[in-house]
Amino acid sequence: MNRFILILDRIVNLYMYYVGIACLLSWVPNINPDYPFFHFIFLTSGFYILPPFLGFLFAPILIMTLCALISAGLNKLFLKLNKNKKPQIIVLSPEEFFAKMEQEKLNEDTNKDKEENNDSN
């Protein structure tokens, strides 16, 4: 569930950047919005949700505000689900680190040997 929330939050943030890039493209004077590529960009970024009012497009502002609210809600949900999990920080000297790595390697080797013995039986 946590990964799903993080992935969804990243998708919402990417869409917000996409809308921002479309806004920047709309300021370029020589871009024809009826050209199929740019029409697709403006259509998928939600430029045509609301009609222009006094020459301004308020749809991108609305979409980016909604994306920011959704992202904030997803972050709050993620923090609520993980409030009891505290990060563990372990400080090891280089000697302790290498000893721990050797121990884990030995544990892996013994687990592999056990699995091979179980498979042969």
PDB file of N, CA and C in Angstrom:
ATOM      1  N   MET A   1       0.818  -1.196   0.000  1.00  0.00           N
ATOM      2  CA  MET A   1       0.000   0.000   0.000  1.00  0.00           C
ATOM      3  C   MET A   1       0.862   1.260   0.000  1.00  0.00           C
ATOM      4  N   ASN A   2       1.974   1.217   0.776  1.00  0.00           N
ATOM      5  CA  ASN A   2       2.840   2.386   0.857  1.00  0.00           C
ATOM      6  C   ASN A   2       3.456   2.713  -0.500  1.00  0.00           C
ATOM      7  N   ARG A   3       3.898   1.685  -1.210  1.00  0.00           N
ATOM      8  CA  ARG A   3       4.491   1.911  -2.533  1.00  0.00           C
ATOM      9  C   ARG A   3       3.452   2.471  -3.497  1.00  0.00           C
ATOM     10  N   PHE A   4       2.233   1.983  -3.409  1.00  0.00           N
ATOM     11  CA  PHE A   4       1.171   2.476  -4.281  1.00  0.00           C
ATOM     12  C   PHE A   4       0.924   3.962  -4.037  1.00  0.00           C
ATOM     13  N   ILE A   5       0.912   4.360  -2.768  1.00  0.00           N
ATOM     14  CA  ILE A   5       0.707   5.775  -2.434  1.00  0.00           C
ATOM     15  C   ILE A   5       1.855   6.615  -2.969  1.00  0.00           C
ATOM     16  N   LEU A   6       3.094   6.139  -2.820  1.00  0.00           N
ATOM     17  CA  LEU A   6       4.243   6.894  -3.322  1.00  0.00           C
ATOM     18  C   LEU A   6       4.227   6.993  -4.844  1.00  0.00           C
ATOM     19  N   ILE A   7       3.882   5.899  -5.515  1.00  0.00           N
ATOM     20  CA  ILE A   7       3.819   5.922  -6.979  1.00  0.00           C
ATOM     21  C   ILE A   7       2.719   6.863  -7.452  1.00  0.00           C
ATOM     22  N   LEU A   8       1.570   6.816  -6.805  1.00  0.00           N
ATOM     23  CA  LEU A   8       0.469   7.705  -7.166  1.00  0.00           C
ATOM     24  C   LEU A   8       0.850   9.166  -6.946  1.00  0.00           C
ATOM     25  N   ASP A   9       1.560   9.444  -5.857  1.00  0.00           N
ATOM     26  CA  ASP A   9       2.011  10.800  -5.587  1.00  0.00           C
ATOM     27  C   ASP A   9       2.993  11.262  -6.671  1.00  0.00           C
ATOM     28  N   ARG A  10       3.888  10.396  -7.096  1.00  0.00           N
ATOM     29  CA  ARG A  10       4.835  10.768  -8.155  1.00  0.00           C
ATOM     30  C   ARG A  10       4.131  11.006  -9.478  1.00  0.00           C
ATOM     31  N   ILE A  11       3.108  10.222  -9.765  1.00  0.00           N
ATOM     32  CA  ILE A  11       2.348  10.423 -11.009  1.00  0.00           C
ATOM     33  C   ILE A  11       1.639  11.774 -10.981  1.00  0.00           C
ATOM     34  N   VAL A  12       1.048  12.109  -9.833  1.00  0.00           N
ATOM     35  CA  VAL A  12       0.365  13.401  -9.701  1.00  0.00           C
ATOM     36  C   VAL A  12       1.373  14.544  -9.864  1.00  0.00           C
ATOM     37  N   ASN A  13       2.549  14.413  -9.265  1.00  0.00           N
ATOM     38  CA  ASN A  13       3.571  15.454  -9.399  1.00  0.00           C
ATOM     39  C   ASN A  13       4.067  15.565 -10.834  1.00  0.00           C
ATOM     40  N   LEU A  14       4.253  14.441 -11.516  1.00  0.00           N
ATOM     41  CA  LEU A  14       4.670  14.494 -12.920  1.00  0.00           C
ATOM     42  C   LEU A  14       3.612  15.177 -13.777  1.00  0.00           C
ATOM     43  N   TYR A  15       2.354  14.910 -13.503  1.00  0.00           N
ATOM     44  CA  TYR A  15       1.288  15.564 -14.258  1.00  0.00           C
ATOM     45  C   TYR A  15       1.290  17.073 -13.997  1.00  0.00           C
ATOM     46  N   MET A  16       1.596  17.454 -12.769  1.00  0.00           N
ATOM     47  CA  MET A  16       1.664  18.878 -12.455  1.00  0.00           C
ATOM     48  C   MET A  16       2.801  19.543 -13.248  1.00  0.00           C
ATOM     49  N   TYR A  17       3.941  18.878 -13.358  1.00  0.00           N
ATOM     50  CA  TYR A  17       5.034  19.404 -14.182  1.00  0.00           C
ATOM     51  C   TYR A  17       4.625  19.459 -15.654  1.00  0.00           C
ATOM     52  N   TYR A  18       3.886  18.453 -16.103  1.00  0.00           N
ATOM     53  CA  TYR A  18       3.414  18.409 -17.488  1.00  0.00           C
ATOM     54  C   TYR A  18       2.512  19.607 -17.784  1.00  0.00           C
ATOM     55  N   VAL A  19       1.635  19.934 -16.864  1.00  0.00           N
ATOM     56  CA  VAL A  19       0.758  21.095 -17.040  1.00  0.00           C
ATOM     57  C   VAL A  19       1.584  22.378 -17.041  1.00  0.00           C
ATOM     58  N   GLY A  20       2.597  22.440 -16.194  1.00  0.00           N
ATOM     59  CA  GLY A  20       3.470  23.612 -16.169  1.00  0.00           C
ATOM     60  C   GLY A  20       4.231  23.792 -17.478  1.00  0.00           C
ATOM     61  N   ILE A  21       4.708  22.698 -18.044  1.00  0.00           N
ATOM     62  CA  ILE A  21       5.405  22.765 -19.335  1.00  0.00           C
ATOM     63  C   ILE A  21       4.434  23.182 -20.435  1.00  0.00           C
ATOM     64  N   ALA A  22       3.208  22.694 -20.379  1.00  0.00           N
ATOM     65  CA  ALA A  22       2.205  23.109 -21.369  1.00  0.00           C
ATOM     66  C   ALA A  22       1.910  24.602 -21.242  1.00  0.00           C
ATOM     67  N   CYS A  23       1.907  25.112 -20.024  1.00  0.00           N
ATOM     68  CA  CYS A  23       1.707  26.555 -19.828  1.00  0.00           C
ATOM     69  C   CYS A  23       2.847  27.344 -20.465  1.00  0.00           C
ATOM     70  N   LEU A  24       4.070  26.858 -20.263  1.00  0.00           N
ATOM     71  CA  LEU A  24       5.205  27.538 -20.892  1.00  0.00           C
ATOM     72  C   LEU A  24       5.111  27.475 -22.413  1.00  0.00           C
ATOM     73  N   LEU A  25       4.671  26.346 -22.946  1.00  0.00           N
ATOM     74  CA  LEU A  25       4.516  26.236 -24.396  1.00  0.00           C
ATOM     75  C   LEU A  25       3.440  27.183 -24.924  1.00  0.00           C
ATOM     76  N   SER A  26       2.425  27.446 -24.131  1.00  0.00           N
ATOM     77  CA  SER A  26       1.351  28.328 -24.596  1.00  0.00           C
ATOM     78  C   SER A  26       1.828  29.774 -24.731  1.00  0.00           C
ATOM     79  N   TRP A  27       2.925  30.125 -24.080  1.00  0.00           N
ATOM     80  CA  TRP A  27       3.449  31.485 -24.172  1.00  0.00           C
ATOM     81  C   TRP A  27       4.323  31.703 -25.403  1.00  0.00           C
ATOM     82  N   VAL A  28       4.736  30.598 -26.051  1.00  0.00           N
ATOM     83  CA  VAL A  28       5.575  30.739 -27.247  1.00  0.00           C
ATOM     84  C   VAL A  28       4.684  31.241 -28.383  1.00  0.00           C
ATOM     85  N   PRO A  29       5.051  32.357 -29.009  1.00  0.00           N
ATOM     86  CA  PRO A  29       4.127  32.980 -29.970  1.00  0.00           C
ATOM     87  C   PRO A  29       3.939  32.211 -31.277  1.00  0.00           C
ATOM     88  N   ASN A  30       4.911  31.433 -31.715  1.00  0.00           N
ATOM     89  CA  ASN A  30       4.812  30.797 -33.032  1.00  0.00           C
ATOM     90  C   ASN A  30       4.208  29.397 -32.986  1.00  0.00           C
ATOM     91  N   ILE A  31       3.748  28.935 -31.832  1.00  0.00           N
ATOM     92  CA  ILE A  31       3.168  27.597 -31.739  1.00  0.00           C
ATOM     93  C   ILE A  31       1.707  27.658 -32.165  1.00  0.00           C
ATOM     94  N   ASN A  32       1.374  26.789 -33.091  1.00  0.00           N
ATOM     95  CA  ASN A  32      -0.007  26.687 -33.561  1.00  0.00           C
ATOM     96  C   ASN A  32      -0.721  25.643 -32.701  1.00  0.00           C
ATOM     97  N   PRO A  33      -1.696  26.019 -31.880  1.00  0.00           N
ATOM     98  CA  PRO A  33      -2.361  25.043 -31.011  1.00  0.00           C
ATOM     99  C   PRO A  33      -3.214  24.037 -31.773  1.00  0.00           C
ATOM    100  N   ASP A  34      -3.449  24.287 -33.071  1.00  0.00           N
ATOM    101  CA  ASP A  34      -4.215  23.335 -33.866  1.00  0.00           C
ATOM    102  C   ASP A  34      -3.336  22.268 -34.498  1.00  0.00           C
ATOM    103  N   TYR A  35      -2.019  22.420 -34.399  1.00  0.00           N
ATOM    104  CA  TYR A  35      -1.109  21.382 -34.877  1.00  0.00           C
ATOM    105  C   TYR A  35      -1.329  20.149 -34.001  1.00  0.00           C
ATOM    106  N   PRO A  36      -1.401  18.932 -34.578  1.00  0.00           N
ATOM    107  CA  PRO A  36      -1.815  17.751 -33.790  1.00  0.00           C
ATOM    108  C   PRO A  36      -0.991  17.493 -32.528  1.00  0.00           C
ATOM    109  N   PHE A  37       0.322  17.668 -32.588  1.00  0.00           N
ATOM    110  CA  PHE A  37       1.156  17.398 -31.411  1.00  0.00           C
ATOM    111  C   PHE A  37       0.829  18.370 -30.279  1.00  0.00           C
ATOM    112  N   PHE A  38       0.790  19.658 -30.596  1.00  0.00           N
ATOM    113  CA  PHE A  38       0.506  20.656 -29.566  1.00  0.00           C
ATOM    114  C   PHE A  38      -0.947  20.600 -29.122  1.00  0.00           C
ATOM    115  N   HIS A  39      -1.840  20.260 -30.028  1.00  0.00           N
ATOM    116  CA  HIS A  39      -3.242  20.095 -29.642  1.00  0.00           C
ATOM    117  C   HIS A  39      -3.379  18.965 -28.626  1.00  0.00           C
ATOM    118  N   PHE A  40      -2.638  17.871 -28.839  1.00  0.00           N
ATOM    119  CA  PHE A  40      -2.652  16.751 -27.896  1.00  0.00           C
ATOM    120  C   PHE A  40      -2.112  17.188 -26.534  1.00  0.00           C
ATOM    121  N   ILE A  41      -1.019  17.947 -26.536  1.00  0.00           N
ATOM    122  CA  ILE A  41      -0.443  18.412 -25.265  1.00  0.00           C
ATOM    123  C   ILE A  41      -1.437  19.303 -24.523  1.00  0.00           C
ATOM    124  N   PHE A  42      -2.037  20.259 -25.226  1.00  0.00           N
ATOM    125  CA  PHE A  42      -2.983  21.168 -24.566  1.00  0.00           C
ATOM    126  C   PHE A  42      -4.256  20.446 -24.145  1.00  0.00           C
ATOM    127  N   LEU A  43      -4.667  19.462 -24.923  1.00  0.00           N
ATOM    128  CA  LEU A  43      -5.873  18.705 -24.584  1.00  0.00           C
ATOM    129  C   LEU A  43      -5.655  17.857 -23.340  1.00  0.00           C
ATOM    130  N   THR A  44      -4.514  17.139 -23.273  1.00  0.00           N
ATOM    131  CA  THR A  44      -4.252  16.262 -22.121  1.00  0.00           C
ATOM    132  C   THR A  44      -3.866  17.034 -20.873  1.00  0.00           C
ATOM    133  N   SER A  45      -3.414  18.263 -21.039  1.00  0.00           N
ATOM    134  CA  SER A  45      -3.068  19.050 -19.848  1.00  0.00           C
ATOM    135  C   SER A  45      -4.275  19.806 -19.296  1.00  0.00           C
ATOM    136  N   GLY A  46      -5.418  19.721 -19.956  1.00  0.00           N
ATOM    137  CA  GLY A  46      -6.643  20.287 -19.426  1.00  0.00           C
ATOM    138  C   GLY A  46      -6.864  21.746 -19.750  1.00  0.00           C
ATOM    139  N   PHE A  47      -6.253  22.240 -20.803  1.00  0.00           N
ATOM    140  CA  PHE A  47      -6.425  23.646 -21.166  1.00  0.00           C
ATOM    141  C   PHE A  47      -7.848  23.950 -21.601  1.00  0.00           C
ATOM    142  N   TYR A  48      -8.554  22.958 -22.092  1.00  0.00           N
ATOM    143  CA  TYR A  48      -9.872  23.206 -22.661  1.00  0.00           C
ATOM    144  C   TYR A  48     -11.006  22.852 -21.707  1.00  0.00           C
ATOM    145  N   ILE A  49     -10.698  22.666 -20.423  1.00  0.00           N
ATOM    146  CA  ILE A  49     -11.744  22.345 -19.448  1.00  0.00           C
ATOM    147  C   ILE A  49     -12.644  23.564 -19.222  1.00  0.00           C
ATOM    148  N   LEU A  50     -12.018  24.717 -19.042  1.00  0.00           N
ATOM    149  CA  LEU A  50     -12.749  25.968 -18.851  1.00  0.00           C
ATOM    150  C   LEU A  50     -12.438  26.905 -20.016  1.00  0.00           C
ATOM    151  N   PRO A  51     -13.414  27.661 -20.463  1.00  0.00           N
ATOM    152  CA  PRO A  51     -13.128  28.624 -21.529  1.00  0.00           C
ATOM    153  C   PRO A  51     -12.303  29.796 -20.980  1.00  0.00           C
ATOM    154  N   PRO A  52     -11.569  30.470 -21.851  1.00  0.00           N
ATOM    155  CA  PRO A  52     -10.792  31.630 -21.380  1.00  0.00           C
ATOM    156  C   PRO A  52     -11.722  32.728 -20.861  1.00  0.00           C
ATOM    157  N   PHE A  53     -11.292  33.369 -19.806  1.00  0.00           N
ATOM    158  CA  PHE A  53     -12.069  34.460 -19.214  1.00  0.00           C
ATOM    159  C   PHE A  53     -11.205  35.714 -19.220  1.00  0.00           C
ATOM    160  N   LEU A  54     -11.638  36.728 -19.935  1.00  0.00           N
ATOM    161  CA  LEU A  54     -10.904  37.977 -20.101  1.00  0.00           C
ATOM    162  C   LEU A  54      -9.502  37.746 -20.667  1.00  0.00           C
ATOM    163  N   GLY A  55      -9.388  36.757 -21.523  1.00  0.00           N
ATOM    164  CA  GLY A  55      -8.112  36.474 -22.169  1.00  0.00           C
ATOM    165  C   GLY A  55      -7.170  35.598 -21.360  1.00  0.00           C
ATOM    166  N   PHE A  56      -7.573  35.158 -20.184  1.00  0.00           N
ATOM    167  CA  PHE A  56      -6.733  34.318 -19.342  1.00  0.00           C
ATOM    168  C   PHE A  56      -7.313  32.916 -19.257  1.00  0.00           C
ATOM    169  N   LEU A  57      -6.402  31.941 -19.210  1.00  0.00           N
ATOM    170  CA  LEU A  57      -6.820  30.547 -19.013  1.00  0.00           C
ATOM    171  C   LEU A  57      -6.671  30.206 -17.530  1.00  0.00           C
ATOM    172  N   PHE A  58      -7.768  29.916 -16.890  1.00  0.00           N
ATOM    173  CA  PHE A  58      -7.741  29.577 -15.476  1.00  0.00           C
ATOM    174  C   PHE A  58      -7.747  28.062 -15.244  1.00  0.00           C
ATOM    175  N   ALA A  59      -7.938  27.285 -16.299  1.00  0.00           N
ATOM    176  CA  ALA A  59      -7.965  25.830 -16.148  1.00  0.00           C
ATOM    177  C   ALA A  59      -6.636  25.273 -15.642  1.00  0.00           C
ATOM    178  N   PRO A  60      -5.469  25.707 -16.161  1.00  0.00           N
ATOM    179  CA  PRO A  60      -4.216  25.165 -15.627  1.00  0.00           C
ATOM    180  C   PRO A  60      -4.004  25.493 -14.150  1.00  0.00           C
ATOM    181  N   ILE A  61      -4.430  26.680 -13.731  1.00  0.00           N
ATOM    182  CA  ILE A  61      -4.306  27.043 -12.316  1.00  0.00           C
ATOM    183  C   ILE A  61      -5.169  26.117 -11.464  1.00  0.00           C
ATOM    184  N   LEU A  62      -6.385  25.860 -11.930  1.00  0.00           N
ATOM    185  CA  LEU A  62      -7.297  24.973 -11.219  1.00  0.00           C
ATOM    186  C   LEU A  62      -6.728  23.554 -11.144  1.00  0.00           C
ATOM    187  N   ILE A  63      -6.201  23.074 -12.261  1.00  0.00           N
ATOM    188  CA  ILE A  63      -5.657  21.715 -12.297  1.00  0.00           C
ATOM    189  C   ILE A  63      -4.434  21.584 -11.393  1.00  0.00           C
ATOM    190  N   MET A  64      -3.552  22.571 -11.445  1.00  0.00           N
ATOM    191  CA  MET A  64      -2.354  22.501 -10.596  1.00  0.00           C
ATOM    192  C   MET A  64      -2.719  22.605  -9.110  1.00  0.00           C
ATOM    193  N   THR A  65      -3.748  23.375  -8.781  1.00  0.00           N
ATOM    194  CA  THR A  65      -4.204  23.456  -7.393  1.00  0.00           C
ATOM    195  C   THR A  65      -4.777  22.122  -6.935  1.00  0.00           C
ATOM    196  N   LEU A  66      -5.585  21.499  -7.794  1.00  0.00           N
ATOM    197  CA  LEU A  66      -6.130  20.176  -7.446  1.00  0.00           C
ATOM    198  C   LEU A  66      -5.023  19.143  -7.290  1.00  0.00           C
ATOM    199  N   CYS A  67      -4.034  19.169  -8.184  1.00  0.00           N
ATOM    200  CA  CYS A  67      -2.910  18.231  -8.077  1.00  0.00           C
ATOM    201  C   CYS A  67      -2.136  18.443  -6.781  1.00  0.00           C
ATOM    202  N   ALA A  68      -1.933  19.701  -6.393  1.00  0.00           N
ATOM    203  CA  ALA A  68      -1.227  19.991  -5.146  1.00  0.00           C
ATOM    204  C   ALA A  68      -2.022  19.493  -3.940  1.00  0.00           C
ATOM    205  N   LEU A  69      -3.339  19.662  -3.970  1.00  0.00           N
ATOM    206  CA  LEU A  69      -4.175  19.170  -2.868  1.00  0.00           C
ATOM    207  C   LEU A  69      -4.162  17.646  -2.790  1.00  0.00           C
ATOM    208  N   ILE A  70      -4.220  16.992  -3.950  1.00  0.00           N
ATOM    209  CA  ILE A  70      -4.166  15.523  -3.975  1.00  0.00           C
ATOM    210  C   ILE A  70      -2.823  15.037  -3.460  1.00  0.00           C
ATOM    211  N   SER A  71      -1.747  15.691  -3.886  1.00  0.00           N
ATOM    212  CA  SER A  71      -0.416  15.305  -3.428  1.00  0.00           C
ATOM    213  C   SER A  71      -0.273  15.496  -1.918  1.00  0.00           C
ATOM    214  N   ALA A  72      -0.791  16.594  -1.386  1.00  0.00           N
ATOM    215  CA  ALA A  72      -0.734  16.825   0.056  1.00  0.00           C
ATOM    216  C   ALA A  72      -1.540  15.768   0.812  1.00  0.00           C
ATOM    217  N   GLY A  73      -2.697  15.404   0.274  1.00  0.00           N
ATOM    218  CA  GLY A  73      -3.500  14.351   0.905  1.00  0.00           C
ATOM    219  C   GLY A  73      -2.806  13.006   0.884  1.00  0.00           C
ATOM    220  N   LEU A  74      -2.160  12.682  -0.233  1.00  0.00           N
ATOM    221  CA  LEU A  74      -1.429  11.412  -0.308  1.00  0.00           C
ATOM    222  C   LEU A  74      -0.247  11.395   0.654  1.00  0.00           C
ATOM    223  N   ASN A  75       0.447  12.520   0.779  1.00  0.00           N
ATOM    224  CA  ASN A  75       1.559  12.593   1.737  1.00  0.00           C
ATOM    225  C   ASN A  75       1.061  12.434   3.167  1.00  0.00           C
ATOM    226  N   LYS A  76      -0.067  13.043   3.484  1.00  0.00           N
ATOM    227  CA  LYS A  76      -0.633  12.915   4.825  1.00  0.00           C
ATOM    228  C   LYS A  76      -1.051  11.467   5.103  1.00  0.00           C
ATOM    229  N   LEU A  77      -1.642  10.812   4.114  1.00  0.00           N
ATOM    230  CA  LEU A  77      -2.035   9.409   4.257  1.00  0.00           C
ATOM    231  C   LEU A  77      -0.816   8.524   4.456  1.00  0.00           C
ATOM    232  N   PHE A  78       0.235   8.791   3.688  1.00  0.00           N
ATOM    233  CA  PHE A  78       1.464   8.006   3.823  1.00  0.00           C
ATOM    234  C   PHE A  78       2.053   8.167   5.219  1.00  0.00           C
ATOM    235  N   LEU A  79       2.091   9.391   5.714  1.00  0.00           N
ATOM    236  CA  LEU A  79       2.631   9.618   7.054  1.00  0.00           C
ATOM    237  C   LEU A  79       1.756   8.980   8.127  1.00  0.00           C
ATOM    238  N   LYS A  80       0.453   8.995   7.920  1.00  0.00           N
ATOM    239  CA  LYS A  80      -0.452   8.377   8.901  1.00  0.00           C
ATOM    240  C   LYS A  80      -0.261   6.868   8.943  1.00  0.00           C
ATOM    241  N   LEU A  81      -0.052   6.252   7.793  1.00  0.00           N
ATOM    242  CA  LEU A  81       0.156   4.809   7.766  1.00  0.00           C
ATOM    243  C   LEU A  81       1.503   4.404   8.350  1.00  0.00           C
ATOM    244  N   ASN A  82       2.474   5.305   8.316  1.00  0.00           N
ATOM    245  CA  ASN A  82       3.820   4.970   8.779  1.00  0.00           C
ATOM    246  C   ASN A  82       4.224   5.694  10.054  1.00  0.00           C
ATOM    247  N   LYS A  83       3.259   6.160  10.841  1.00  0.00           N
ATOM    248  CA  LYS A  83       3.613   6.937  12.029  1.00  0.00           C
ATOM    249  C   LYS A  83       4.249   6.074  13.113  1.00  0.00           C
ATOM    250  N   ASN A  84       3.935   4.785  13.158  1.00  0.00           N
ATOM    251  CA  ASN A  84       4.497   3.919  14.195  1.00  0.00           C
ATOM    252  C   ASN A  84       5.849   3.340  13.805  1.00  0.00           C
ATOM    253  N   LYS A  85       6.215   3.453  12.556  1.00  0.00           N
ATOM    254  CA  LYS A  85       7.496   2.922  12.097  1.00  0.00           C
ATOM    255  C   LYS A  85       8.548   4.006  12.218  1.00  0.00           C
ATOM    256  N   LYS A  86       9.498   3.779  13.098  1.00  0.00           N
ATOM    257  CA  LYS A  86      10.557   4.756  13.280  1.00  0.00           C
ATOM    258  C   LYS A  86      11.818   4.254  12.585  1.00  0.00           C
ATOM    259  N   PRO A  87      12.533   5.141  11.925  1.00  0.00           N
ATOM    260  CA  PRO A  87      13.747   4.701  11.239  1.00  0.00           C
ATOM    261  C   PRO A  87      14.807   4.279  12.239  1.00  0.00           C
ATOM    262  N   GLN A  88      15.544   3.263  11.874  1.00  0.00           N
ATOM    263  CA  GLN A  88      16.621   2.785  12.719  1.00  0.00           C
ATOM    264  C   GLN A  88      17.934   3.190  12.086  1.00  0.00           C
ATOM    265  N   ILE A  89      18.756   3.829  12.876  1.00  0.00           N
ATOM    266  CA  ILE A  89      20.068   4.232  12.412  1.00  0.00           C
ATOM    267  C   ILE A  89      21.086   3.434  13.195  1.00  0.00           C
ATOM    268  N   ILE A  90      21.915   2.706  12.470  1.00  0.00           N
ATOM    269  CA  ILE A  90      22.940   1.886  13.098  1.00  0.00           C
ATOM    270  C   ILE A  90      24.292   2.459  12.704  1.00  0.00           C
ATOM    271  N   VAL A  91      25.100   2.754  13.705  1.00  0.00           N
ATOM    272  CA  VAL A  91      26.436   3.284  13.449  1.00  0.00           C
ATOM    273  C   VAL A  91      27.427   2.170  13.717  1.00  0.00           C
ATOM    274  N   LEU A  92      28.189   1.812  12.680  1.00  0.00           N
ATOM    275  CA  LEU A  92      29.174   0.747  12.790  1.00  0.00           C
ATOM    276  C   LEU A  92      30.541   1.274  12.378  1.00  0.00           C
ATOM    277  N   SER A  93      31.551   0.738  13.027  1.00  0.00           N
ATOM    278  CA  SER A  93      32.911   1.034  12.575  1.00  0.00           C
ATOM    279  C   SER A  93      33.181   0.189  11.334  1.00  0.00           C
ATOM    280  N   PRO A  94      34.190   0.521  10.550  1.00  0.00           N
ATOM    281  CA  PRO A  94      34.475  -0.289   9.359  1.00  0.00           C
ATOM    282  C   PRO A  94      34.723  -1.757   9.683  1.00  0.00           C
ATOM    283  N   GLU A  95      35.389  -2.021  10.804  1.00  0.00           N
ATOM    284  CA  GLU A  95      35.664  -3.420  11.174  1.00  0.00           C
ATOM    285  C   GLU A  95      34.362  -4.168  11.485  1.00  0.00           C
ATOM    286  N   GLU A  96      33.463  -3.509  12.225  1.00  0.00           N
ATOM    287  CA  GLU A  96      32.183  -4.132  12.540  1.00  0.00           C
ATOM    288  C   GLU A  96      31.354  -4.355  11.274  1.00  0.00           C
ATOM    289  N   PHE A  97      31.414  -3.390  10.358  1.00  0.00           N
ATOM    290  CA  PHE A  97      30.674  -3.514   9.107  1.00  0.00           C
ATOM    291  C   PHE A  97      31.146  -4.722   8.313  1.00  0.00           C
ATOM    292  N   PHE A  98      32.465  -4.863   8.148  1.00  0.00           N
ATOM    293  CA  PHE A  98      32.986  -5.992   7.369  1.00  0.00           C
ATOM    294  C   PHE A  98      32.729  -7.317   8.069  1.00  0.00           C
ATOM    295  N   ALA A  99      32.785  -7.334   9.401  1.00  0.00           N
ATOM    296  CA  ALA A  99      32.473  -8.561  10.137  1.00  0.00           C
ATOM    297  C   ALA A  99      31.000  -8.940   9.940  1.00  0.00           C
ATOM    298  N   LYS A 100      30.128  -7.941   9.952  1.00  0.00           N
ATOM    299  CA  LYS A 100      28.700  -8.205   9.745  1.00  0.00           C
ATOM    300  C   LYS A 100      28.442  -8.710   8.327  1.00  0.00           C
ATOM    301  N   MET A 101      29.129  -8.141   7.344  1.00  0.00           N
ATOM    302  CA  MET A 101      28.974  -8.586   5.960  1.00  0.00           C
ATOM    303  C   MET A 101      29.446 -10.028   5.795  1.00  0.00           C
ATOM    304  N   GLU A 102      30.551 -10.373   6.418  1.00  0.00           N
ATOM    305  CA  GLU A 102      31.044 -11.762   6.361  1.00  0.00           C
ATOM    306  C   GLU A 102      30.057 -12.713   7.014  1.00  0.00           C
ATOM    307  N   GLN A 103      29.474 -12.298   8.136  1.00  0.00           N
ATOM    308  CA  GLN A 103      28.495 -13.135   8.826  1.00  0.00           C
ATOM    309  C   GLN A 103      27.259 -13.353   7.950  1.00  0.00           C
ATOM    310  N   GLU A 104      26.789 -12.298   7.292  1.00  0.00           N
ATOM    311  CA  GLU A 104      25.632 -12.443   6.402  1.00  0.00           C
ATOM    312  C   GLU A 104      25.957 -13.338   5.216  1.00  0.00           C
ATOM    313  N   LYS A 105      27.166 -13.243   4.693  1.00  0.00           N
ATOM    314  CA  LYS A 105      27.570 -14.110   3.584  1.00  0.00           C
ATOM    315  C   LYS A 105      27.607 -15.567   4.028  1.00  0.00           C
ATOM    316  N   LEU A 106      28.102 -15.820   5.235  1.00  0.00           N
ATOM    317  CA  LEU A 106      28.106 -17.187   5.756  1.00  0.00           C
ATOM    318  C   LEU A 106      26.680 -17.698   5.949  1.00  0.00           C
ATOM    319  N   ASN A 107      25.787 -16.828   6.429  1.00  0.00           N
ATOM    320  CA  ASN A 107      24.385 -17.224   6.607  1.00  0.00           C
ATOM    321  C   ASN A 107      23.741 -17.560   5.265  1.00  0.00           C
ATOM    322  N   GLU A 108      24.040 -16.779   4.234  1.00  0.00           N
ATOM    323  CA  GLU A 108      23.511 -17.073   2.902  1.00  0.00           C
ATOM    324  C   GLU A 108      24.033 -18.402   2.380  1.00  0.00           C
ATOM    325  N   ASP A 109      25.314 -18.656   2.595  1.00  0.00           N
ATOM    326  CA  ASP A 109      25.897 -19.925   2.129  1.00  0.00           C
ATOM    327  C   ASP A 109      25.267 -21.114   2.835  1.00  0.00           C
ATOM    328  N   THR A 110      25.032 -20.992   4.140  1.00  0.00           N
ATOM    329  CA  THR A 110      24.412 -22.107   4.862  1.00  0.00           C
ATOM    330  C   THR A 110      22.963 -22.294   4.419  1.00  0.00           C
ATOM    331  N   ASN A 111      22.261 -21.209   4.135  1.00  0.00           N
ATOM    332  CA  ASN A 111      20.875 -21.315   3.652  1.00  0.00           C
ATOM    333  C   ASN A 111      20.841 -21.983   2.285  1.00  0.00           C
ATOM    334  N   LYS A 112      21.787 -21.657   1.418  1.00  0.00           N
ATOM    335  CA  LYS A 112      21.850 -22.285   0.103  1.00  0.00           C
ATOM    336  C   LYS A 112      22.145 -23.772   0.224  1.00  0.00           C
ATOM    337  N   ASP A 113      23.062 -24.121   1.152  1.00  0.00           N
ATOM    338  CA  ASP A 113      23.387 -25.537   1.357  1.00  0.00           C
ATOM    339  C   ASP A 113      22.163 -26.304   1.866  1.00  0.00           C
ATOM    340  N   LYS A 114      21.407 -25.694   2.774  1.00  0.00           N
ATOM    341  CA  LYS A 114      20.195 -26.333   3.283  1.00  0.00           C
ATOM    342  C   LYS A 114      19.170 -26.530   2.185  1.00  0.00           C
ATOM    343  N   GLU A 115      19.008 -25.527   1.316  1.00  0.00           N
ATOM    344  CA  GLU A 115      18.054 -25.629   0.226  1.00  0.00           C
ATOM    345  C   GLU A 115      18.489 -26.713  -0.758  1.00  0.00           C
ATOM    346  N   GLU A 116      19.788 -26.812  -1.027  1.00  0.00           N
ATOM    347  CA  GLU A 116      20.262 -27.845  -1.960  1.00  0.00           C
ATOM    348  C   GLU A 116      20.051 -29.227  -1.373  1.00  0.00           C
ATOM    349  N   ASN A 117      20.252 -29.380  -0.049  1.00  0.00           N
ATOM    350  CA  ASN A 117      20.025 -30.665   0.586  1.00  0.00           C
ATOM    351  C   ASN A 117      18.543 -31.011   0.578  1.00  0.00           C
ATOM    352  N   ASN A 118      17.668 -30.042   0.771  1.00  0.00           N
ATOM    353  CA  ASN A 118      16.235 -30.284   0.732  1.00  0.00           C
ATOM    354  C   ASN A 118      15.775 -30.648  -0.687  1.00  0.00           C
ATOM    355  N   ASP A 119      16.372 -30.003  -1.690  1.00  0.00           N
ATOM    356  CA  ASP A 119      16.010 -30.297  -3.075  1.00  0.00           C
ATOM    357  C   ASP A 119      16.463 -31.687  -3.488  1.00  0.00           C
ATOM    358  N   SER A 120      17.599 -32.136  -2.959  1.00  0.00           N
ATOM    359  CA  SER A 120      18.106 -33.460  -3.357  1.00  0.00           C
ATOM    360  C   SER A 120      17.316 -34.574  -2.690  1.00  0.00           C
ATOM    361  N   ASN A 121      16.651 -34.305  -1.568  1.00  0.00           N
ATOM    362  CA  ASN A 121      15.851 -35.319  -0.872  1.00  0.00           C
ATOM    363  C   ASN A 121      14.541 -35.437  -1.514  1.00  0.00           C
TER     364      ASN A 121
END
